[in-house]
Protein backbone atom coordinates (compact mmCIF):
# COMPACT_ATOMS: atom_id res chain seq x y z
CA MET A 1 17.93 -8.50 13.46
CA GLU A 2 15.32 -10.21 11.52
CA ASN A 3 12.21 -8.16 10.06
CA ILE A 4 9.74 -10.24 12.39
CA THR A 5 12.03 -9.22 15.59
CA LEU A 6 12.05 -5.84 14.45
CA VAL A 7 8.25 -5.27 14.64
CA ARG A 8 7.72 -7.72 17.45
CA ALA A 9 10.84 -5.04 19.58
CA TYR A 10 8.94 -1.92 18.05
CA ASN A 11 5.76 -3.03 19.34
CA ALA A 12 7.06 -4.23 22.60
CA ALA A 13 8.71 -0.66 23.30
CA LEU A 14 5.63 1.39 22.06
CA ALA A 15 3.36 -1.00 24.49
CA GLY A 16 5.65 -0.26 27.28
CA ALA A 17 5.81 3.56 26.40
CA MET A 18 2.04 3.52 27.06
CA ALA A 19 1.87 1.10 30.13
CA ALA A 20 4.36 3.80 31.64
CA GLY A 21 2.09 6.40 31.40
CA GLY A 22 2.29 7.33 27.90
CA ASP A 23 4.04 10.05 27.87
CA PRO A 24 4.90 11.69 24.19
CA ASP A 25 8.61 12.15 24.76
CA VAL A 26 8.55 8.92 26.06
CA VAL A 27 7.04 7.11 23.37
CA GLN A 28 8.87 8.71 20.83
CA ALA A 29 12.49 7.87 22.42
CA ALA A 30 11.12 4.20 22.72
CA VAL A 31 9.96 3.98 19.14
CA ASP A 32 12.75 6.17 17.59
CA PRO A 33 15.66 2.51 17.46
CA TYR A 34 13.25 0.75 14.72
CA LEU A 35 11.51 3.66 12.47
CA THR A 36 13.43 5.57 9.61
CA PRO A 37 12.97 9.12 9.80
CA GLY A 38 10.45 9.36 7.18
CA ALA A 39 8.08 6.77 8.50
CA VAL A 40 4.55 7.10 7.72
CA CYS A 41 1.53 5.59 9.94
CA ARG A 42 -1.40 5.29 7.93
CA GLU A 43 -5.06 4.83 9.77
CA THR A 44 -8.60 5.72 8.42
CA PRO A 45 -9.41 9.42 8.89
CA ALA A 46 -12.87 8.44 9.96
CA LEU A 47 -11.59 7.60 13.62
CA PRO A 48 -10.85 10.60 16.53
CA TRP A 49 -7.33 9.75 15.80
CA GLY A 50 -7.01 8.82 12.14
CA GLY A 51 -4.75 10.04 9.45
CA THR A 52 -1.52 9.68 8.16
CA PHE A 53 1.20 10.37 10.43
CA THR A 54 4.64 10.85 9.02
CA GLY A 55 8.51 12.05 10.39
CA GLY A 56 9.22 8.39 11.83
CA SER A 57 8.96 8.70 15.86
CA ARG A 58 7.17 12.18 15.46
CA GLY A 59 4.52 11.54 13.92
CA ILE A 60 4.44 7.84 16.21
CA ARG A 61 3.93 10.28 18.50
CA ASP A 62 1.30 12.56 17.44
CA LEU A 63 -0.53 9.17 16.49
CA CYS A 64 -0.16 8.48 20.25
CA VAL A 65 -1.70 11.64 21.65
CA ALA A 66 -4.74 11.98 19.32
CA GLY A 67 -5.98 7.87 20.03
CA THR A 68 -4.90 8.78 23.78
CA ALA A 69 -7.12 11.42 24.23
CA ALA A 70 -9.73 9.50 22.53
CA LEU A 71 -9.74 6.36 24.45
CA VAL A 72 -9.31 7.71 27.81
CA ALA A 73 -12.38 10.07 27.02
CA PHE A 74 -14.26 6.60 25.97
CA ALA A 75 -12.93 4.50 29.36
CA GLU A 76 -13.90 7.28 31.60
CA ALA A 77 -17.17 7.48 30.37
CA ALA A 78 -17.76 3.66 30.11
CA GLY A 79 -15.74 3.31 33.22
CA ALA A 80 -13.33 0.87 31.85
CA PRO A 81 -10.33 0.67 28.95
CA VAL A 82 -10.17 -0.20 25.31
CA THR A 83 -8.02 -3.00 25.95
CA ALA A 84 -6.55 -5.58 23.21
CA ALA A 85 -5.77 -9.26 22.21
CA PRO A 86 -3.11 -10.77 21.94
CA ASP A 87 -0.91 -10.19 19.18
CA SER A 88 0.32 -12.73 16.63
CA TYR A 89 3.05 -12.19 13.05
CA ALA A 90 4.09 -13.31 10.29
CA ALA A 91 6.55 -12.05 8.05
CA ASP A 92 6.91 -12.25 3.48
CA GLY A 93 9.84 -10.57 3.09
CA ASP A 94 9.91 -6.95 3.68
CA VAL A 95 6.58 -7.06 4.76
CA VAL A 96 5.89 -8.11 8.45
CA PHE A 97 2.11 -8.58 9.64
CA ARG A 98 0.11 -7.85 13.00
CA THR A 99 -2.85 -9.01 14.04
CA THR A 100 -4.56 -8.22 17.43
CA ALA A 101 -7.80 -6.48 18.74
CA MET A 102 -9.36 -4.15 20.02
CA ARG A 103 -12.09 -4.95 22.97
CA PHE A 104 -13.95 -2.39 23.96
CA PRO A 105 -16.44 -3.46 26.89
CA ALA A 106 -19.95 -3.09 28.03
CA THR A 107 -21.52 -0.15 28.38
CA PRO A 108 -24.97 0.40 29.17
CA ALA A 109 -25.64 1.35 25.92
CA HIS A 110 -23.08 -1.09 24.41
CA GLU A 111 -22.04 -4.67 24.43
CA ALA A 112 -19.01 -5.68 24.69
CA LEU A 113 -17.10 -5.14 20.55
CA ASP A 114 -14.18 -7.26 20.13
CA VAL A 115 -12.32 -5.41 17.20
CA PRO A 116 -9.79 -7.14 14.53
CA VAL A 117 -7.55 -5.45 13.76
CA ILE A 118 -4.19 -5.73 11.12
CA ASP A 119 -1.07 -3.96 10.63
CA ARG A 120 0.99 -4.36 7.63
CA TYR A 121 4.50 -3.01 8.29
CA VAL A 122 7.01 -2.32 5.83
CA VAL A 123 10.72 -2.88 6.52
CA ALA A 124 13.42 -1.06 4.18
CA ASP A 125 16.88 -0.97 6.01
CA GLY A 126 16.72 -2.76 9.06
CA ARG A 127 14.01 -0.34 10.09
CA ILE A 128 10.00 0.26 9.90
CA ASP A 129 9.21 2.31 6.75
CA ALA A 130 5.65 2.28 7.18
CA ILE A 131 2.59 0.91 8.78
CA ASP A 132 -0.68 0.35 7.54
CA VAL A 133 -3.83 -0.12 10.19
CA PHE A 134 -6.66 -1.49 9.54
CA PHE A 135 -9.82 -1.69 11.07
CA PHE A 136 -12.59 -4.44 10.61
CA ASP A 137 -15.66 -2.65 12.06
CA VAL A 138 -14.92 1.36 11.85
CA PRO A 139 -18.80 2.10 12.64
CA ALA A 140 -18.98 -0.40 15.28
CA MET A 141 -16.39 2.23 16.62
CA LEU A 142 -17.30 5.02 16.19
CA ASP A 143 -20.47 4.15 17.59
CA ARG A 144 -19.33 3.50 21.00
CA LEU A 145 -16.49 6.75 20.67
CA ALA A 146 -19.13 8.86 20.23
CA PRO A 147 -19.93 10.95 23.23
CA ALA A 148 -23.30 9.60 25.42
């Protein structure tokens, strides 16, 4: 499987598991075939769900649990969920990039906000070995995620 196809399949599996309710065990099982056992995912520790998650699919499971809790709390307070823009992909050898955006809906205190996101995937031996996620406006995200 080509690296870009692998990363697309991983993201489709993750999105499907999250759309089906985001059960942590389902998420872990869905992404496991695409990740090395030692895969690491890094997101800025400034976010409520951020940090370094290790252990392959177990790390992604832990990241989704933390991220879902923060985003569900925001959606309940805002009355609307955070959504994702369509994504696009580019590859250079063993590195694949995915671009998308997170859309925070308007609230009484804030205008809607689109935050560009770039994910960098490193593939080794036909599986994803590292994921680095870069958000472009962390302070604005934190402002919206803060309890009212």
